[in-house]
Amino acid sequence: MRRLGSVLLVFSLAGCTALRDVFTAHPADAARAAGAVLSADTLSHLAVQVKGMPLQADALTRLANVWIDYTLFADALARDVNLQDTTLIAEATWPVISQIKWERFHDRLTANRPHLTPKQIDSAYNAGELRAFQHILLQVPPNSAPTVDAQKKTQIDGILRQVITAHGANFAALARKYSDDGTKASGGYLGIAARGKYVRQFEDAAWQLGPGEVSAVVRSPFGYHIIRRPPLAEVRDSFALGLEDAQSQRLDSIYLAGVENGRKIEVVSRAAARAREAVQNLDESIHDRDVLVTYRGGSFRVSDLARWLRALDPKIIQSMPQATDEQVGQMLRALTQRNILLEQADSAKVELTPDDWRDIHAEYDSALAIVETVLNLKPAMLHDSAATPAAREAFAMRRVNEWLAAVVNGQSRFYPMPPYFADALRAKASWSINPAGIERAVDQATAERNAAGAPAPGGVPGTPMRPAPGPAPTTTAPQRRLQ
C-alpha cells in the first residue's frame, strides 16, 4: 500500500472522494455507516430472502441504502443527537415548508385583488360561459355484466321520476342518497366549469339546460347521470366563490407568464432526455449538476429536478418515460417557476407563522415516532438497556439488523425512511457504498439462489417488503461519501 501513497495524496488534494473510496474500500464490505459495516455476505443473505427480488446491483444497492438510512438514525439516537434541531427539521420538512411559504407569498400577491360585485356575479351567470351543475351518478364499470347495467338503468329511471315529480326541489337530497361519486356529500354539486371540462356525453346534455332544468338520463363512460343546472338563487355563494377562483387562476397565469418572460426561462436541448434518464435513479441524480433550464439569474439542474420529484406525486415519475418532449419540457418550466417563486418569497422575507411551525413540528414528530416504533427503539429504552455510549450504539445496531432481517423474511412491515430526513442525516454523517462489495454480494446471492433451486426473479408473486404509506426510501450514488 505504500506505493499508492503519492497517488492517494494527489486524490486527497484534488478532493476526489469517490476515487479515494475505490482504493480504500474493502471488497468484503458492501456499505458503511457511522462506523458500522454491512458486509457483502450479510447483504447477499438478506437479498436472497426477498422473494422475487432481482439479484442485480441496483436492487442490492437500494437494500444497502435502507440499511444505511436506518443505521444513521439508530446511531443518532444512541449518541443523543438533537433531532429537534431547527435546521434539521427545516431540511427534513422542506416540501411542506416550501408549500406553506408559497401560500403565504400568494396571499400577499392576491391581497389587493378586488372581489366581485353582485352585479358581476349575475352577469357571469347569465352569460353562461361558466356554468354550475349538479348530477346524480350511478356508476357502471365498463366490464359490468348486462344484468348489472340493466339494474342501474332501472334504478336511475326511478330516481328521475322522483326528481320530475318534485320539479327538481329534491335533487340534492336524492344525490346524497343515491349518487356513487365524490359529489354525494355536496348534493351532487360539481362546481363551475367552462365547456370542455367534462366528457362529451355529459356536456352535450348539460349545455342544453336552462336554469333549474333537469336532463333525461345520460349514459357516459362512467355510468348513468341525471344532470341539473341549479338557478343562481340556490348557488349564489358557491357560484361566486367559483368565479373568484377562476379569476384568481387567470391572474396567477398572467403573473407566471410575466415571471417566465421576465426571467427568460429556456429549456435546454436534450433536457427531456436528461430528465428521463434522471428519473431512472433519482438518488444518484440528486448530486447531478447538469443544467436542464436556464433563466436570468440562475438555472434549474438535474439535482433540482430530483429534489422536486421526490416531493411530488409518484405517478409523475411513473408517467415520464411515456411523456413527450413537450410534456417533459412543460413540467421542467413549471418546476423552474416554483424555484423562482420561492426565491421571490425569500426576497420578500415571507415568514411562517407560529401555527405553521407547530403543524410542521407535529408532522415531523409523527414521522420520527413511526420510525422509532418500526425499530422498537426509543431514547429512553437505549439508556435503560446500555450504560455506556459504545453499548448504546451496539444495542441500536442490533435493533436495525433484527428489523431488516424480519422485513426480508416477511415477518415485519417495511417502512421507508422519510427521504428528506434521511438526506439531512446523511449530510451530517459518514457513510459510503462500495460497488465492489455490491457486486460481490450479487455474485454470492446468485450462487446461493441457484444452489437452492429457487425460482427466477419474478417467479413468486408479491414480495414481503410491502411499502407502508409514505415516500420511497432514499438511496444515493455509489462511491459517494459525505463527511
Protein backbone atom coordinates (compact mmCIF):
# COMPACT_ATOMS: atom_id res chain seq x y z
CA MET A 1 0.00 0.00 0.00
CA ARG A 2 2.95 2.37 0.49
CA ARG A 3 3.42 2.54 -3.28
CA LEU A 4 -0.04 4.09 -3.51
CA GLY A 5 0.80 6.83 -1.05
CA SER A 6 1.65 9.51 -3.61
CA VAL A 7 -1.42 8.62 -5.68
CA LEU A 8 -3.70 8.86 -2.66
CA LEU A 9 -2.14 12.19 -1.76
CA VAL A 10 -2.94 13.54 -5.22
CA PHE A 11 -6.53 12.33 -4.97
CA SER A 12 -6.85 13.79 -1.49
CA LEU A 13 -5.52 17.18 -2.57
CA ALA A 14 -7.88 17.12 -5.55
CA GLY A 15 -10.81 16.38 -3.22
CA CYS A 16 -11.75 13.27 -5.22
CA THR A 17 -13.57 11.32 -2.53
CA ALA A 18 -15.13 8.81 -4.90
CA LEU A 19 -11.80 7.73 -6.36
CA ARG A 20 -10.30 7.54 -2.90
CA ASP A 21 -13.02 5.08 -1.90
CA VAL A 22 -12.06 2.80 -4.79
CA PHE A 23 -8.69 2.28 -3.14
CA THR A 24 -9.73 2.29 0.49
CA ALA A 25 -12.94 0.23 0.41
CA HIS A 26 -12.62 -3.43 1.35
CA PRO A 27 -14.22 -5.72 -1.24
CA ALA A 28 -15.89 -7.71 1.54
CA ASP A 29 -17.77 -4.58 2.65
CA ALA A 30 -20.92 -3.58 0.78
CA ALA A 31 -21.64 -0.42 2.80
CA ARG A 32 -20.53 1.54 5.85
CA ALA A 33 -22.41 3.99 8.02
CA ALA A 34 -21.44 5.69 11.29
CA GLY A 35 -18.63 3.17 11.88
CA ALA A 36 -20.86 0.12 11.26
CA VAL A 37 -20.26 -2.25 8.35
CA LEU A 38 -22.71 -4.11 6.12
CA SER A 39 -20.69 -7.00 4.75
CA ALA A 40 -21.21 -8.37 1.27
CA ASP A 41 -22.01 -11.73 2.88
CA THR A 42 -24.79 -10.24 5.01
CA LEU A 43 -26.21 -8.23 2.11
CA SER A 44 -26.29 -11.28 -0.16
CA HIS A 45 -28.02 -13.33 2.55
CA LEU A 46 -30.66 -10.61 3.01
CA ALA A 47 -31.23 -10.25 -0.74
CA VAL A 48 -31.79 -13.97 -1.27
CA GLN A 49 -34.60 -13.93 1.28
CA VAL A 50 -36.58 -11.22 -0.52
CA LYS A 51 -38.84 -13.30 -2.74
CA GLY A 52 -38.88 -12.22 -6.34
CA MET A 53 -36.12 -9.63 -5.85
CA PRO A 54 -33.88 -9.43 -8.93
CA LEU A 55 -30.29 -10.10 -7.89
CA GLN A 56 -28.84 -7.08 -9.65
CA ALA A 57 -26.52 -4.34 -8.46
CA ASP A 58 -29.18 -1.61 -8.43
CA ALA A 59 -31.59 -3.73 -6.36
CA LEU A 60 -28.94 -4.66 -3.80
CA THR A 61 -27.76 -1.05 -3.68
CA ARG A 62 -31.28 0.02 -2.73
CA LEU A 63 -31.33 -2.59 0.02
CA ALA A 64 -27.94 -1.39 1.27
CA ASN A 65 -29.23 2.17 1.33
CA VAL A 66 -32.16 1.16 3.50
CA TRP A 67 -29.60 -0.27 5.93
CA ILE A 68 -27.61 2.99 5.78
CA ASP A 69 -30.65 5.17 6.49
CA TYR A 70 -31.76 3.14 9.50
CA THR A 71 -28.21 2.75 10.78
CA LEU A 72 -27.67 6.52 10.74
CA PHE A 73 -30.97 7.06 12.52
CA ALA A 74 -30.22 4.45 15.19
CA ASP A 75 -26.73 5.87 15.65
CA ALA A 76 -28.17 9.38 16.10
CA LEU A 77 -30.47 8.08 18.84
CA ALA A 78 -27.63 6.21 20.53
CA ARG A 79 -25.40 9.29 20.52
CA ASP A 80 -28.17 11.58 21.82
CA VAL A 81 -28.07 13.72 18.66
CA ASN A 82 -30.57 16.55 18.96
CA LEU A 83 -33.20 15.51 16.43
CA GLN A 84 -35.25 18.58 17.37
CA ASP A 85 -32.62 20.92 15.95
CA THR A 86 -34.36 23.66 13.97
CA THR A 87 -32.05 23.31 10.97
CA LEU A 88 -32.57 19.55 10.83
CA ILE A 89 -36.35 19.93 10.99
CA ALA A 90 -36.27 22.56 8.23
CA GLU A 91 -34.22 20.28 5.98
CA ALA A 92 -36.38 17.24 6.71
CA THR A 93 -39.65 19.07 6.03
CA TRP A 94 -38.50 21.12 3.03
CA PRO A 95 -41.51 20.24 0.81
CA VAL A 96 -44.01 21.27 3.48
CA ILE A 97 -42.16 24.49 4.29
CA SER A 98 -41.87 25.35 0.59
CA GLN A 99 -45.60 24.86 0.04
CA ILE A 100 -46.56 26.98 3.05
CA LYS A 101 -44.09 29.69 2.08
CA TRP A 102 -45.58 29.84 -1.42
CA GLU A 103 -49.10 30.06 0.04
CA ARG A 104 -48.08 32.96 2.28
CA PHE A 105 -46.42 34.70 -0.68
CA HIS A 106 -49.50 34.07 -2.83
CA ASP A 107 -51.67 35.61 -0.11
CA ARG A 108 -49.60 38.80 -0.42
CA LEU A 109 -49.94 38.82 -4.20
CA THR A 110 -53.73 38.42 -4.03
CA ALA A 111 -54.44 40.64 -1.01
CA ASN A 112 -55.40 43.67 -3.13
CA ARG A 113 -57.34 41.85 -5.82
CA PRO A 114 -60.93 43.20 -5.96
CA HIS A 115 -63.90 41.00 -5.05
CA LEU A 116 -66.77 40.51 -7.47
CA THR A 117 -69.89 42.65 -7.07
CA PRO A 118 -73.42 41.12 -7.06
CA LYS A 119 -73.98 42.67 -10.50
CA GLN A 120 -70.86 41.00 -11.88
CA ILE A 121 -71.99 37.64 -10.45
CA ASP A 122 -75.43 37.99 -12.08
CA SER A 123 -73.83 38.95 -15.37
CA ALA A 124 -71.42 36.00 -15.34
CA TYR A 125 -74.22 33.50 -14.58
CA ASN A 126 -76.44 34.87 -17.35
CA ALA A 127 -73.59 34.90 -19.87
CA GLY A 128 -73.20 31.15 -19.38
CA GLU A 129 -69.52 30.89 -20.25
CA LEU A 130 -69.04 29.37 -16.81
CA ARG A 131 -71.86 27.15 -15.58
CA ALA A 132 -72.76 25.34 -12.39
CA PHE A 133 -74.17 21.81 -12.48
CA GLN A 134 -75.40 19.11 -10.13
CA HIS A 135 -75.64 15.47 -11.03
CA ILE A 136 -76.67 12.09 -9.70
CA LEU A 137 -74.35 9.33 -10.94
CA LEU A 138 -74.90 5.60 -10.76
CA GLN A 139 -71.56 4.12 -11.75
CA VAL A 140 -71.44 1.24 -14.23
CA PRO A 141 -67.91 -0.14 -14.72
CA PRO A 142 -67.03 -0.88 -18.38
CA ASN A 143 -66.77 -4.63 -17.73
CA SER A 144 -70.13 -4.88 -15.95
CA ALA A 145 -72.48 -7.70 -16.89
CA PRO A 146 -75.58 -6.73 -18.93
CA THR A 147 -77.76 -7.59 -15.95
CA VAL A 148 -75.88 -5.06 -13.77
CA ASP A 149 -76.23 -2.40 -16.46
CA ALA A 150 -79.94 -3.08 -16.69
CA GLN A 151 -80.40 -2.87 -12.91
CA LYS A 152 -78.62 0.51 -12.82
CA LYS A 153 -80.72 1.81 -15.70
CA THR A 154 -83.92 0.77 -13.96
CA GLN A 155 -82.75 2.44 -10.75
CA ILE A 156 -81.78 5.72 -12.44
CA ASP A 157 -85.11 5.84 -14.27
CA GLY A 158 -86.87 5.56 -10.90
CA ILE A 159 -84.77 8.35 -9.44
CA LEU A 160 -85.53 10.59 -12.43
CA ARG A 161 -89.27 10.10 -11.86
CA GLN A 162 -88.82 11.29 -8.25
CA VAL A 163 -86.89 14.36 -9.46
CA ILE A 164 -89.54 15.25 -12.05
CA THR A 165 -92.39 14.80 -9.56
CA ALA A 166 -90.75 17.29 -7.18
CA HIS A 167 -89.73 19.64 -10.04
CA GLY A 168 -86.08 19.25 -9.01
CA ALA A 169 -86.57 20.51 -5.45
CA ASN A 170 -85.40 17.18 -4.02
CA PHE A 171 -82.35 16.87 -6.29
CA ALA A 172 -79.68 17.48 -3.60
CA ALA A 173 -81.34 15.05 -1.18
CA LEU A 174 -81.55 12.34 -3.84
CA ALA A 175 -77.91 12.93 -4.84
CA ARG A 176 -76.85 12.48 -1.21
CA LYS A 177 -78.84 9.27 -1.02
CA TYR A 178 -78.01 7.61 -4.33
CA SER A 179 -75.00 9.15 -6.10
CA ASP A 180 -71.91 6.95 -6.37
CA ASP A 181 -69.20 9.62 -6.71
CA GLY A 182 -67.40 12.14 -4.51
CA THR A 183 -70.04 14.85 -5.02
CA LYS A 184 -72.51 12.84 -2.95
CA ALA A 185 -71.86 14.82 0.24
CA SER A 186 -72.42 18.16 -1.51
CA GLY A 187 -75.74 17.14 -3.02
CA GLY A 188 -74.18 16.36 -6.39
CA TYR A 189 -72.75 19.87 -6.85
CA LEU A 190 -69.92 19.87 -9.41
CA GLY A 191 -68.81 23.47 -9.04
CA ILE A 192 -68.46 25.76 -12.05
CA ALA A 193 -66.73 24.99 -15.31
CA ALA A 194 -66.30 26.17 -18.84
CA ARG A 195 -67.27 23.93 -21.72
CA GLY A 196 -64.64 21.27 -22.39
CA LYS A 197 -64.14 20.08 -18.82
CA TYR A 198 -66.47 17.08 -18.88
CA VAL A 199 -66.86 14.09 -21.19
CA ARG A 200 -68.77 14.69 -24.43
CA GLN A 201 -71.94 12.79 -23.50
CA PHE A 202 -72.28 14.78 -20.27
CA GLU A 203 -71.62 18.15 -21.89
CA ASP A 204 -73.93 17.60 -24.86
CA ALA A 205 -76.80 17.24 -22.40
CA ALA A 206 -75.68 19.69 -19.73
CA TRP A 207 -75.16 22.67 -22.04
CA GLN A 208 -78.73 22.42 -23.32
CA LEU A 209 -80.15 23.07 -19.83
CA GLY A 210 -81.56 26.37 -18.74
CA PRO A 211 -81.54 27.47 -15.09
CA GLY A 212 -83.50 24.99 -12.94
CA GLU A 213 -83.88 22.42 -15.74
CA VAL A 214 -83.13 18.69 -15.42
CA SER A 215 -81.82 16.38 -18.14
CA ALA A 216 -83.08 12.98 -19.19
CA VAL A 217 -80.92 10.02 -18.20
CA VAL A 218 -77.45 10.40 -19.78
CA ARG A 219 -75.12 7.46 -20.43
CA SER A 220 -71.38 8.22 -20.24
CA PRO A 221 -68.28 6.03 -19.79
CA PHE A 222 -68.77 6.48 -16.04
CA GLY A 223 -72.34 5.22 -15.89
CA TYR A 224 -75.81 6.82 -15.78
CA HIS A 225 -76.28 10.52 -14.93
CA ILE A 226 -79.14 12.85 -14.21
CA ILE A 227 -77.94 16.45 -14.63
CA ARG A 228 -79.44 19.65 -13.25
CA ARG A 229 -78.45 23.27 -13.77
CA PRO A 230 -79.37 24.95 -10.46
CA PRO A 231 -80.75 28.51 -10.60
CA LEU A 232 -78.46 31.25 -9.33
CA ALA A 233 -80.57 31.88 -6.23
CA GLU A 234 -79.71 28.37 -4.98
CA VAL A 235 -75.97 28.55 -5.61
CA ARG A 236 -75.09 32.25 -5.49
CA ASP A 237 -72.43 31.91 -2.79
CA SER A 238 -70.74 28.84 -4.27
CA PHE A 239 -71.01 30.26 -7.80
CA ALA A 240 -69.36 33.49 -6.60
CA LEU A 241 -66.54 31.55 -4.96
CA GLY A 242 -66.04 29.56 -8.14
CA LEU A 243 -65.91 32.75 -10.18
CA GLU A 244 -63.32 34.26 -7.87
CA ASP A 245 -61.25 31.08 -8.04
CA ALA A 246 -61.39 31.18 -11.82
CA GLN A 247 -60.44 34.86 -11.82
CA SER A 248 -57.59 34.15 -9.39
CA GLN A 249 -56.30 31.35 -11.61
CA ARG A 250 -56.39 33.69 -14.62
CA LEU A 251 -54.45 36.38 -12.75
CA ASP A 252 -52.00 33.75 -11.45
CA SER A 253 -51.42 32.64 -15.04
CA ILE A 254 -50.74 36.23 -16.04
CA TYR A 255 -48.27 36.60 -13.16
CA LEU A 256 -46.47 33.36 -14.06
CA ALA A 257 -46.28 34.40 -17.70
CA GLY A 258 -44.63 37.61 -16.52
CA VAL A 259 -42.14 35.58 -14.48
CA GLU A 260 -41.35 33.35 -17.46
CA ASN A 261 -40.90 36.24 -19.88
CA GLY A 262 -39.06 38.47 -17.43
CA ARG A 263 -36.63 35.76 -16.39
CA LYS A 264 -36.33 34.39 -19.96
CA ILE A 265 -36.90 30.76 -18.96
CA GLU A 266 -35.47 28.42 -21.62
CA VAL A 267 -35.40 24.62 -21.63
CA VAL A 268 -32.02 23.46 -22.97
CA SER A 269 -31.64 20.95 -25.78
CA ARG A 270 -31.81 17.30 -24.69
CA ALA A 271 -33.37 18.38 -21.39
CA ALA A 272 -36.27 15.95 -21.83
CA ALA A 273 -33.90 13.04 -22.47
CA ARG A 274 -31.74 14.00 -19.47
CA ALA A 275 -34.85 14.26 -17.29
CA ARG A 276 -35.97 10.78 -18.32
CA GLU A 277 -32.50 9.44 -17.51
CA ALA A 278 -32.60 11.17 -14.14
CA VAL A 279 -35.85 9.54 -13.01
CA GLN A 280 -34.30 6.11 -13.54
CA ASN A 281 -32.13 6.82 -10.49
CA LEU A 282 -33.27 9.86 -8.55
CA ASP A 283 -30.89 9.05 -5.72
CA GLU A 284 -27.85 9.37 -7.98
CA SER A 285 -29.38 12.34 -9.79
CA ILE A 286 -29.66 14.32 -6.55
CA HIS A 287 -25.96 15.14 -7.00
CA ASP A 288 -26.07 15.82 -10.76
CA ARG A 289 -25.33 19.48 -11.61
CA ASP A 290 -26.19 19.31 -15.32
CA VAL A 291 -28.39 22.24 -16.38
CA LEU A 292 -31.88 21.50 -17.70
CA VAL A 293 -33.36 25.01 -17.77
CA THR A 294 -31.69 28.41 -17.90
CA TYR A 295 -33.18 31.68 -16.71
CA ARG A 296 -31.99 35.16 -15.92
CA GLY A 297 -30.25 34.98 -12.54
CA GLY A 298 -29.93 31.19 -12.26
CA SER A 299 -30.57 27.73 -13.66
CA PHE A 300 -32.60 24.61 -12.93
CA ARG A 301 -30.42 21.49 -12.70
CA VAL A 302 -30.89 17.73 -12.64
CA SER A 303 -30.34 17.87 -8.86
CA ASP A 304 -33.24 20.35 -8.56
CA LEU A 305 -35.46 18.04 -10.59
CA ALA A 306 -34.59 15.07 -8.38
CA ARG A 307 -35.33 17.08 -5.25
CA TRP A 308 -38.72 18.22 -6.51
CA LEU A 309 -39.82 14.86 -7.90
CA ARG A 310 -39.27 13.17 -4.57
CA ALA A 311 -41.78 15.64 -3.10
CA LEU A 312 -44.43 15.22 -5.80
CA ASP A 313 -46.93 12.51 -6.67
CA PRO A 314 -45.05 9.28 -7.60
CA LYS A 315 -47.37 8.99 -10.61
CA ILE A 316 -45.45 11.87 -12.20
CA ILE A 317 -42.26 9.82 -12.13
CA GLN A 318 -44.07 6.76 -13.46
CA SER A 319 -45.51 8.72 -16.39
CA MET A 320 -42.26 10.37 -17.52
CA PRO A 321 -40.89 7.54 -19.73
CA GLN A 322 -44.06 7.75 -21.87
CA ALA A 323 -44.31 11.56 -21.81
CA THR A 324 -43.50 13.56 -24.93
CA ASP A 325 -40.59 16.00 -25.03
CA GLU A 326 -43.12 18.84 -24.96
CA GLN A 327 -44.83 17.47 -21.84
CA VAL A 328 -41.49 16.99 -20.05
CA GLY A 329 -40.47 20.50 -21.08
CA GLN A 330 -43.70 21.94 -19.64
CA MET A 331 -43.05 20.13 -16.37
CA LEU A 332 -39.48 21.49 -16.24
CA ARG A 333 -40.76 25.01 -16.86
CA ALA A 334 -43.34 24.63 -14.10
CA LEU A 335 -40.77 23.38 -11.59
CA THR A 336 -38.38 26.17 -12.58
CA GLN A 337 -41.17 28.65 -11.91
CA ARG A 338 -41.61 27.11 -8.46
CA ASN A 339 -37.95 27.65 -7.72
CA ILE A 340 -38.15 31.28 -8.85
CA LEU A 341 -41.32 31.88 -6.80
CA LEU A 342 -39.59 30.54 -3.69
CA GLU A 343 -36.67 32.86 -4.41
CA GLN A 344 -39.16 35.73 -4.64
CA ALA A 345 -40.80 34.67 -1.37
CA ASP A 346 -37.40 34.68 0.35
CA SER A 347 -36.58 38.10 -1.14
CA ALA A 348 -39.92 39.37 0.16
CA LYS A 349 -38.95 37.98 3.60
CA VAL A 350 -42.01 35.76 3.81
CA GLU A 351 -42.05 34.03 7.20
CA LEU A 352 -44.03 31.10 8.52
CA THR A 353 -46.40 31.76 11.40
CA PRO A 354 -46.09 30.12 14.84
CA ASP A 355 -49.11 27.98 13.92
CA ASP A 356 -47.33 26.88 10.74
CA TRP A 357 -44.30 25.80 12.74
CA ARG A 358 -46.45 23.95 15.27
CA ASP A 359 -48.03 21.97 12.44
CA ILE A 360 -44.63 21.25 10.89
CA HIS A 361 -43.20 20.08 14.23
CA ALA A 362 -46.21 17.84 14.78
CA GLU A 363 -45.82 16.24 11.34
CA TYR A 364 -42.07 15.81 11.87
CA ASP A 365 -42.52 14.29 15.34
CA SER A 366 -45.12 11.89 13.97
CA ALA A 367 -42.70 10.67 11.29
CA LEU A 368 -39.94 10.16 13.89
CA ALA A 369 -42.31 8.26 16.16
CA ILE A 370 -43.19 5.88 13.33
CA VAL A 371 -39.52 5.13 12.62
CA GLU A 372 -38.82 4.60 16.34
CA THR A 373 -41.80 2.24 16.55
CA VAL A 374 -40.67 0.34 13.45
CA LEU A 375 -37.27 -0.27 15.05
CA ASN A 376 -38.72 -0.69 18.53
CA LEU A 377 -36.03 1.75 19.59
CA LYS A 378 -36.59 4.85 21.69
CA PRO A 379 -34.08 7.07 23.55
CA ALA A 380 -35.35 6.03 26.99
CA MET A 381 -35.04 2.36 26.05
CA LEU A 382 -31.43 2.89 24.94
CA HIS A 383 -30.42 4.47 28.24
CA ASP A 384 -32.23 1.82 30.25
CA SER A 385 -30.60 -1.03 28.31
CA ALA A 386 -26.99 0.16 28.00
CA ALA A 387 -24.77 2.07 30.39
CA THR A 388 -22.05 3.36 28.03
CA PRO A 389 -22.15 5.16 24.66
CA ALA A 390 -20.48 2.18 22.97
CA ALA A 391 -23.02 -0.21 24.46
CA ARG A 392 -25.89 2.01 23.36
CA GLU A 393 -24.55 2.08 19.80
CA ALA A 394 -24.20 -1.71 19.77
CA PHE A 395 -27.74 -2.10 21.13
CA ALA A 396 -29.11 0.26 18.47
CA MET A 397 -27.34 -1.63 15.68
CA ARG A 398 -28.76 -4.94 16.88
CA ARG A 399 -32.25 -3.47 16.55
CA VAL A 400 -31.51 -2.32 12.97
CA ASN A 401 -30.19 -5.73 11.94
CA GLU A 402 -33.05 -7.57 13.65
CA TRP A 403 -35.66 -5.36 11.96
CA LEU A 404 -34.12 -5.70 8.49
CA ALA A 405 -33.88 -9.47 8.88
CA ALA A 406 -37.55 -9.58 9.89
CA VAL A 407 -38.54 -7.42 6.90
CA VAL A 408 -36.84 -9.61 4.29
CA ASN A 409 -38.39 -12.68 5.91
CA GLY A 410 -41.84 -11.15 5.66
CA GLN A 411 -42.20 -11.03 9.46
CA SER A 412 -42.22 -7.23 9.71
CA ARG A 413 -43.66 -4.46 7.59
CA PHE A 414 -41.24 -2.33 5.57
CA TYR A 415 -41.40 1.40 6.23
CA PRO A 416 -39.10 3.67 4.20
CA MET A 417 -37.17 6.39 5.96
CA PRO A 418 -38.70 9.78 5.06
CA PRO A 419 -36.39 10.89 2.21
CA TYR A 420 -35.62 14.47 3.24
CA PHE A 421 -34.98 13.38 6.82
CA ALA A 422 -32.62 10.68 5.52
CA ASP A 423 -30.84 13.31 3.41
CA ALA A 424 -30.40 15.52 6.47
CA LEU A 425 -28.90 12.65 8.49
CA ARG A 426 -26.55 11.70 5.65
CA ALA A 427 -25.33 15.26 5.26
CA LYS A 428 -24.05 15.21 8.85
CA ALA A 429 -22.62 11.68 8.98
CA SER A 430 -20.03 9.41 7.43
CA TRP A 431 -21.32 6.70 5.10
CA SER A 432 -20.40 5.02 1.82
CA ILE A 433 -21.46 2.42 -0.72
CA ASN A 434 -18.78 0.08 -2.13
CA PRO A 435 -19.57 -1.05 -5.71
CA ALA A 436 -17.06 -3.91 -5.46
CA GLY A 437 -18.81 -5.16 -2.33
CA ILE A 438 -22.22 -4.83 -4.01
CA GLU A 439 -21.02 -6.89 -6.99
CA ARG A 440 -19.59 -9.50 -4.65
CA ALA A 441 -22.95 -9.68 -2.86
CA VAL A 442 -24.74 -10.06 -6.21
CA ASP A 443 -22.48 -12.99 -7.18
CA GLN A 444 -22.88 -14.70 -3.80
CA ALA A 445 -26.65 -14.22 -3.73
CA THR A 446 -27.00 -15.56 -7.27
CA ALA A 447 -24.94 -18.62 -6.40
CA GLU A 448 -26.96 -19.19 -3.22
CA ARG A 449 -30.28 -18.87 -5.03
CA ASN A 450 -29.15 -21.19 -7.82
CA ALA A 451 -27.88 -23.75 -5.32
CA ALA A 452 -31.20 -23.69 -3.52
CA GLY A 453 -33.09 -24.15 -6.80
CA ALA A 454 -35.14 -21.01 -6.16
CA PRO A 455 -37.47 -19.72 -8.87
CA ALA A 456 -36.23 -16.96 -11.13
CA PRO A 457 -36.85 -13.37 -10.07
CA GLY A 458 -40.48 -12.52 -10.56
CA GLY A 459 -41.49 -16.18 -10.33
CA VAL A 460 -43.02 -15.68 -6.89
CA PRO A 461 -45.95 -13.27 -6.81
CA GLY A 462 -45.60 -10.38 -4.44
CA THR A 463 -42.80 -9.53 -2.06
CA PRO A 464 -42.60 -9.42 1.74
CA MET A 465 -41.13 -5.90 1.56
CA ARG A 466 -44.53 -4.23 1.39
CA PRO A 467 -44.22 -0.44 1.44
CA ALA A 468 -46.15 1.38 4.13
CA PRO A 469 -47.77 4.72 3.32
CA GLY A 470 -45.18 7.41 2.72
CA PRO A 471 -42.39 8.28 0.30
CA ALA A 472 -39.99 5.77 -1.15
CA PRO A 473 -36.73 5.08 0.68
CA THR A 474 -33.89 7.36 -0.25
CA THR A 475 -30.76 5.97 -1.83
CA THR A 476 -27.71 7.69 -3.16
CA ALA A 477 -24.98 7.42 -5.74
CA PRO A 478 -22.34 4.70 -5.35
CA GLN A 479 -18.90 5.69 -4.09
CA ARG A 480 -20.06 8.98 -2.62
CA ARG A 481 -19.13 9.82 0.97
CA LEU A 482 -20.40 12.86 2.85
CA GLN A 483 -18.35 13.93 5.82
